[in-house]
Amino acid sequence: MFRRIAATSTAVVASLGIALSVNPTAHAAPIDVQFLLPTFGVTAAPPYMLSSAAGGWVIAQTDAERPGMTRFISNDAGYCFCSIQWRNLSTGATGVAQVGLRSTQNRDYVPTGSGVLVASVGIPGTPSFTLLPGAGVWTVP
């Protein structure tokens, strides 16, 4: 009787040890925050000054494993080439970042610092006109 209990408890402890050593640690997925307002504008391309519409939605992506960093991406089908002017309200830091067309997305994180951030988005270049500047608010871990 005692041998059976001892064998059973040894098997349970061994199984628990294997289960604990096999389970990977959980990692939080990056958090995407779509800006509240989209950006729309008109840009003209030399030499014939043909104008085209530009703009779309910008997303600020943060990751708990990269504190103080933000990546800016566009969720549109490739019409957003935007300039993002951001400010960290917690630290006072400021900066400018670019988000390109979908095929040339900014894959790098920008050191924005941790805290609450705000941004305005426009269409860069000359000649270009931002008809509706985008805006967003997000928190960086």
Protein backbone atom coordinates (compact mmCIF):
# COMPACT_ATOMS: atom_id res chain seq x y z
CA MET A 1 0.00 0.00 0.00
CA PHE A 2 2.72 2.47 0.98
CA ARG A 3 4.78 1.50 -2.07
CA ARG A 4 1.84 2.33 -4.34
CA ILE A 5 1.35 5.74 -2.66
CA ALA A 6 5.09 6.46 -2.83
CA ALA A 7 5.23 5.46 -6.51
CA THR A 8 2.16 7.56 -7.32
CA SER A 9 3.46 10.65 -5.51
CA THR A 10 6.87 10.26 -7.19
CA ALA A 11 5.15 10.12 -10.60
CA VAL A 12 3.05 13.21 -9.81
CA VAL A 13 6.10 15.21 -8.68
CA ALA A 14 8.07 14.13 -11.77
CA SER A 15 5.18 15.08 -14.08
CA LEU A 16 4.83 18.46 -12.39
CA GLY A 17 8.56 19.12 -12.77
CA ILE A 18 8.44 18.28 -16.47
CA ALA A 19 5.35 20.43 -17.01
CA LEU A 20 6.95 23.42 -15.28
CA SER A 21 10.19 23.10 -17.24
CA VAL A 22 8.41 22.80 -20.62
CA ASN A 23 5.96 25.72 -20.29
CA PRO A 24 7.40 28.86 -21.93
CA THR A 25 7.05 32.24 -20.27
CA ALA A 26 4.25 34.40 -21.61
CA HIS A 27 5.08 37.60 -23.47
CA ALA A 28 2.65 40.44 -24.08
CA ALA A 29 1.93 41.27 -27.70
CA PRO A 30 2.68 44.78 -28.98
CA ILE A 31 -0.16 47.25 -28.48
CA ASP A 32 -1.46 49.18 -31.50
CA VAL A 33 -3.19 52.53 -30.98
CA GLN A 34 -4.83 53.99 -34.08
CA PHE A 35 -4.73 57.78 -34.12
CA LEU A 36 -8.05 59.49 -33.48
CA LEU A 37 -8.00 61.59 -36.66
CA PRO A 38 -6.81 60.51 -40.11
CA THR A 39 -4.54 62.65 -42.27
CA PHE A 40 -5.53 63.80 -45.75
CA GLY A 41 -3.79 66.10 -48.16
CA VAL A 42 -2.68 66.78 -51.70
CA THR A 43 0.82 66.47 -53.05
CA ALA A 44 2.22 67.47 -56.44
CA ALA A 45 5.06 65.68 -58.21
CA PRO A 46 7.47 67.47 -60.53
CA PRO A 47 8.11 67.92 -63.43
CA TYR A 48 4.48 68.18 -64.57
CA MET A 49 3.06 68.98 -61.14
CA LEU A 50 0.50 66.21 -61.27
CA SER A 51 -1.38 66.19 -58.00
CA SER A 52 -2.52 63.16 -56.10
CA ALA A 53 -4.37 62.53 -52.87
CA ALA A 54 -2.30 61.38 -49.93
CA GLY A 55 -3.04 60.42 -46.37
CA GLY A 56 -4.67 57.85 -44.17
CA TRP A 57 -4.58 56.49 -40.63
CA VAL A 58 -1.41 56.23 -38.54
CA ILE A 59 -0.89 53.66 -35.78
CA ALA A 60 1.47 54.04 -32.81
CA GLN A 61 2.75 50.61 -31.78
CA THR A 62 4.31 50.04 -28.35
CA ASP A 63 5.79 46.92 -26.81
CA ALA A 64 6.26 46.19 -23.09
CA GLU A 65 9.55 44.49 -23.95
CA ARG A 66 10.80 47.79 -25.45
CA PRO A 67 9.97 50.44 -22.85
CA GLY A 68 10.23 54.03 -24.01
CA MET A 69 9.98 53.10 -27.70
CA THR A 70 7.23 53.65 -30.33
CA ARG A 71 6.93 52.41 -33.91
CA PHE A 72 4.72 54.34 -36.34
CA ILE A 73 2.95 52.41 -39.10
CA SER A 74 0.14 53.02 -41.57
CA ASN A 75 -2.89 50.76 -41.77
CA ASP A 76 -3.91 51.94 -45.23
CA ALA A 77 -3.34 50.32 -48.58
CA GLY A 78 -0.33 52.46 -49.36
CA TYR A 79 -1.47 56.07 -49.64
CA CYS A 80 0.09 57.41 -46.44
CA PHE A 81 3.47 59.05 -46.60
CA CYS A 82 3.19 61.14 -43.46
CA SER A 83 5.31 63.18 -41.11
CA ILE A 84 4.56 62.71 -37.40
CA GLN A 85 5.46 65.42 -34.89
CA TRP A 86 5.25 63.91 -31.40
CA ARG A 87 5.60 65.23 -27.85
CA ASN A 88 6.00 63.26 -24.63
CA LEU A 89 3.81 65.10 -22.10
CA SER A 90 5.48 63.28 -19.20
CA THR A 91 9.09 64.21 -20.05
CA GLY A 92 8.79 67.13 -22.48
CA ALA A 93 10.77 65.30 -25.19
CA THR A 94 9.81 66.03 -28.81
CA GLY A 95 10.65 64.60 -32.20
CA VAL A 96 9.66 63.99 -35.79
CA ALA A 97 9.18 60.59 -37.40
CA GLN A 98 8.16 59.45 -40.86
CA VAL A 99 5.81 56.70 -41.93
CA GLY A 100 6.14 55.56 -45.50
CA LEU A 101 4.07 53.71 -48.01
CA ARG A 102 2.95 50.22 -47.01
CA SER A 103 5.84 48.63 -48.93
CA THR A 104 8.37 50.84 -47.13
CA GLN A 105 6.93 50.86 -43.60
CA ASN A 106 9.12 52.19 -40.82
CA ARG A 107 10.28 48.98 -39.17
CA ASP A 108 12.31 50.77 -36.49
CA TYR A 109 11.19 51.89 -33.08
CA VAL A 110 11.64 55.57 -32.24
CA PRO A 111 12.96 56.48 -28.75
CA THR A 112 10.02 58.55 -27.50
CA GLY A 113 10.46 57.83 -23.78
CA SER A 114 7.88 56.41 -21.42
CA GLY A 115 4.73 58.33 -20.60
CA VAL A 116 1.73 59.91 -22.30
CA LEU A 117 2.41 61.07 -25.85
CA VAL A 118 0.51 63.25 -28.33
CA ALA A 119 1.17 63.72 -32.03
CA SER A 120 0.04 65.63 -35.09
CA VAL A 121 0.39 64.19 -38.57
CA GLY A 122 0.85 66.02 -41.85
CA ILE A 123 1.80 65.45 -45.47
CA PRO A 124 5.49 66.42 -45.95
CA GLY A 125 7.13 67.82 -49.05
CA THR A 126 6.97 70.81 -51.33
CA PRO A 127 4.53 71.39 -52.84
CA SER A 128 2.02 69.62 -50.65
CA PHE A 129 -1.02 70.71 -48.70
CA THR A 130 -2.34 69.03 -45.57
CA LEU A 131 -6.10 69.43 -45.70
CA LEU A 132 -6.84 67.46 -42.52
CA PRO A 133 -3.99 67.04 -40.03
CA GLY A 134 -4.15 63.77 -38.13
CA ALA A 135 -3.83 63.54 -34.36
CA GLY A 136 -3.31 60.85 -31.77
CA VAL A 137 -2.73 60.16 -28.07
CA TRP A 138 -1.13 57.01 -26.63
CA THR A 139 0.79 55.75 -23.62
CA VAL A 140 4.27 54.24 -23.85
CA PRO A 141 5.32 51.75 -21.16
